[in-house]
């Protein structure tokens, strides 16, 4: 597959994801009417509505994990082709994550009581952040990638009491002790 075709296919997949999310009734941008690059931890209502927030490191780690996994199982394929598969996986997650079932699951199983889902611009940005993590992992030694992922996890844990690891635990097997700790109890 040519580099140009990889780029066009990737852009097409991201545009298709945005169209599906809009079709699901997701808001295009934050209801506040602004598009901000960064949403600080203190702006809980802006989380998952702008281009980056404290959940962005999780999406970067997705890309690192996808790169590692796809390198293991599809080593014979080009990096571009593996990146397209990573886009498909991340896009599928963005669609599922913004379904009523997962939104309700977040509300009942985690401390995210008022969570309403992502804006479309945030979901598109999440896919691009995943690609940044994928590209980082493709260029860096494994130990550097692992170290950065650990730093991201610990930083998010410290600042917002949440990260990729806790997100997975709380979606699959919610623990009341974690929920209480996350809510400051």
Protein backbone atom coordinates (compact mmCIF):
# COMPACT_ATOMS: atom_id res chain seq x y z
CA UNK A 1 0.00 0.00 0.00
CA UNK A 2 1.47 3.36 -0.99
CA UNK A 3 2.16 6.05 1.59
CA UNK A 4 -0.37 8.35 -0.08
CA UNK A 5 -3.07 5.68 0.02
CA UNK A 6 -2.31 5.02 3.71
CA UNK A 7 -2.73 8.75 4.50
CA UNK A 8 -5.95 9.07 2.48
CA UNK A 9 -7.41 5.91 4.00
CA UNK A 10 -6.49 7.09 7.50
CA UNK A 11 -8.12 10.49 6.95
CA UNK A 12 -11.17 8.75 5.50
CA UNK A 13 -11.46 6.46 8.52
CA UNK A 14 -11.24 9.42 10.90
CA UNK A 15 -13.86 11.36 8.88
CA UNK A 16 -16.13 8.30 8.85
CA UNK A 17 -15.78 8.01 12.62
CA UNK A 18 -16.76 11.67 13.03
CA UNK A 19 -19.78 11.14 10.76
CA UNK A 20 -20.90 8.09 12.74
CA UNK A 21 -20.54 9.97 16.02
CA UNK A 22 -22.55 12.89 14.65
CA UNK A 23 -25.16 10.40 13.44
CA UNK A 24 -25.30 8.99 16.98
CA UNK A 25 -26.24 12.46 18.19
CA UNK A 26 -22.87 13.40 19.71
CA UNK A 27 -22.25 17.14 19.94
CA UNK A 28 -19.64 18.43 17.45
CA UNK A 29 -17.85 20.68 19.96
CA UNK A 30 -18.21 21.57 23.62
CA UNK A 31 -21.62 23.01 24.49
CA UNK A 32 -19.67 26.02 25.79
CA UNK A 33 -19.15 26.96 22.12
CA UNK A 34 -15.36 27.00 22.35
CA UNK A 35 -12.63 24.70 21.12
CA UNK A 36 -9.76 24.71 23.58
CA UNK A 37 -6.47 22.87 23.25
CA UNK A 38 -6.23 21.87 26.92
CA UNK A 39 -8.83 21.33 29.61
CA UNK A 40 -7.30 21.46 33.10
CA UNK A 41 -8.30 19.05 35.86
CA UNK A 42 -10.27 21.82 37.57
CA UNK A 43 -12.64 22.07 34.56
CA UNK A 44 -14.54 18.81 35.04
CA UNK A 45 -17.38 19.83 32.70
CA UNK A 46 -14.84 20.50 29.92
CA UNK A 47 -13.23 17.07 30.21
CA UNK A 48 -13.70 15.01 27.05
CA UNK A 49 -15.01 18.07 25.20
CA UNK A 50 -11.88 19.73 23.81
CA UNK A 51 -8.67 18.66 22.06
CA UNK A 52 -6.73 17.48 25.11
CA UNK A 53 -7.34 16.82 28.79
CA UNK A 54 -6.05 14.52 31.51
CA UNK A 55 -7.42 11.50 29.59
CA UNK A 56 -5.22 12.29 26.58
CA UNK A 57 -2.28 10.31 28.03
CA UNK A 58 -4.53 7.22 27.99
CA UNK A 59 -5.05 7.61 24.25
CA UNK A 60 -1.33 8.11 23.69
CA UNK A 61 -0.75 4.89 25.63
CA UNK A 62 -3.36 3.15 23.44
CA UNK A 63 -1.17 4.02 20.46
CA UNK A 64 1.94 2.67 22.20
CA UNK A 65 0.14 -0.56 23.06
CA UNK A 66 -1.32 -0.91 19.56
CA UNK A 67 2.11 -0.40 18.02
CA UNK A 68 3.64 -3.08 20.25
CA UNK A 69 0.83 -5.58 19.72
CA UNK A 70 0.60 -5.04 15.95
CA UNK A 71 4.39 -5.25 15.64
CA UNK A 72 4.22 -8.65 17.32
CA UNK A 73 1.38 -10.07 15.24
CA UNK A 74 1.73 -8.23 11.90
CA UNK A 75 5.45 -7.56 11.66
CA UNK A 76 5.41 -8.33 7.93
CA UNK A 77 2.97 -5.46 7.26
CA UNK A 78 4.16 -1.89 6.81
CA UNK A 79 4.02 0.57 9.69
CA UNK A 80 1.41 2.52 7.72
CA UNK A 81 -0.83 -0.52 7.36
CA UNK A 82 -0.47 -1.27 11.07
CA UNK A 83 -1.32 2.39 11.82
CA UNK A 84 -4.53 2.01 9.79
CA UNK A 85 -5.49 -0.99 11.87
CA UNK A 86 -4.74 1.02 15.01
CA UNK A 87 -7.04 3.79 13.70
CA UNK A 88 -9.81 1.24 13.15
CA UNK A 89 -9.42 -0.11 16.70
CA UNK A 90 -9.33 3.35 18.29
CA UNK A 91 -12.22 4.59 16.15
CA UNK A 92 -14.29 1.56 17.13
CA UNK A 93 -13.54 2.30 20.79
CA UNK A 94 -14.56 5.96 20.37
CA UNK A 95 -17.88 4.84 18.89
CA UNK A 96 -18.49 2.23 21.61
CA UNK A 97 -17.28 4.59 24.36
CA UNK A 98 -19.90 7.12 23.30
CA UNK A 99 -22.76 4.63 23.20
CA UNK A 100 -25.44 4.96 25.89
CA UNK A 101 -24.37 1.63 27.40
CA UNK A 102 -20.77 2.69 28.09
CA UNK A 103 -21.74 6.22 29.14
CA UNK A 104 -24.19 4.74 31.66
CA UNK A 105 -21.52 2.25 32.78
CA UNK A 106 -19.08 5.10 33.47
CA UNK A 107 -21.77 6.91 35.46
CA UNK A 108 -22.70 3.93 37.63
CA UNK A 109 -19.32 2.20 38.02
CA UNK A 110 -16.99 5.18 38.37
CA UNK A 111 -16.95 8.58 40.01
CA UNK A 112 -17.89 10.19 36.65
CA UNK A 113 -21.49 10.79 37.72
CA UNK A 114 -22.14 13.67 35.30
CA UNK A 115 -20.28 12.17 32.34
CA UNK A 116 -22.19 12.74 29.10
CA UNK A 117 -19.70 11.39 26.58
CA UNK A 118 -17.17 12.98 24.28
CA UNK A 119 -17.69 15.75 21.78
CA UNK A 120 -16.88 14.72 18.20
CA UNK A 121 -13.84 17.01 18.13
CA UNK A 122 -12.54 15.31 21.29
CA UNK A 123 -13.04 11.85 19.77
CA UNK A 124 -11.21 12.87 16.59
CA UNK A 125 -8.42 14.38 18.71
CA UNK A 126 -8.27 11.15 20.75
CA UNK A 127 -7.63 9.20 17.53
CA UNK A 128 -4.88 11.65 16.58
CA UNK A 129 -3.33 11.39 20.08
CA UNK A 130 -3.39 7.60 19.70
CA UNK A 131 -1.51 8.01 16.41
CA UNK A 132 1.04 10.21 18.19
CA UNK A 133 1.62 7.41 20.69
CA UNK A 134 1.85 4.88 17.87
CA UNK A 135 4.44 7.01 16.05
CA UNK A 136 6.39 7.57 19.28
CA UNK A 137 6.54 3.84 19.96
CA UNK A 138 7.61 3.18 16.37
CA UNK A 139 10.62 5.48 16.76
CA UNK A 140 11.71 5.00 20.37
CA UNK A 141 13.35 2.10 22.17
CA UNK A 142 10.91 -0.11 24.05
CA UNK A 143 12.28 0.97 27.45
CA UNK A 144 11.67 4.65 26.64
CA UNK A 145 8.11 3.93 25.51
CA UNK A 146 7.39 1.91 28.66
CA UNK A 147 8.92 4.62 30.87
CA UNK A 148 6.83 7.35 29.23
CA UNK A 149 3.66 5.26 29.59
CA UNK A 150 4.37 4.73 33.29
CA UNK A 151 5.01 8.45 33.81
CA UNK A 152 1.72 9.27 32.02
CA UNK A 153 -0.20 6.78 34.17
CA UNK A 154 1.31 8.08 37.41
CA UNK A 155 0.81 11.75 36.46
CA UNK A 156 -2.89 11.22 35.64
CA UNK A 157 -3.32 9.16 38.81
CA UNK A 158 -1.80 11.95 40.89
CA UNK A 159 -3.71 14.83 39.27
CA UNK A 160 -7.18 13.36 38.59
CA UNK A 161 -7.16 10.04 40.48
CA UNK A 162 -7.80 8.22 37.22
CA UNK A 163 -5.83 6.72 34.35
CA UNK A 164 -6.01 4.00 31.71
CA UNK A 165 -5.42 1.19 34.21
CA UNK A 166 -8.15 2.35 36.59
CA UNK A 167 -10.50 3.03 33.67
CA UNK A 168 -10.19 -0.57 32.49
CA UNK A 169 -10.59 -1.98 36.01
CA UNK A 170 -13.64 0.14 36.73
CA UNK A 171 -15.34 -0.71 33.43
CA UNK A 172 -14.72 -4.45 33.68
CA UNK A 173 -14.81 -5.10 37.42
CA UNK A 174 -15.77 -2.01 39.43
CA UNK A 175 -14.39 -1.87 42.94
CA UNK A 176 -16.17 0.27 45.50
CA UNK A 177 -12.86 1.07 47.24
CA UNK A 178 -11.45 2.58 44.03
CA UNK A 179 -14.66 4.52 43.38
CA UNK A 180 -14.60 5.93 46.91
CA UNK A 181 -10.91 6.87 46.61
CA UNK A 182 -11.46 8.51 43.22
CA UNK A 183 -14.28 10.63 44.58
CA UNK A 184 -12.09 11.81 47.43
CA UNK A 185 -13.63 9.60 50.09
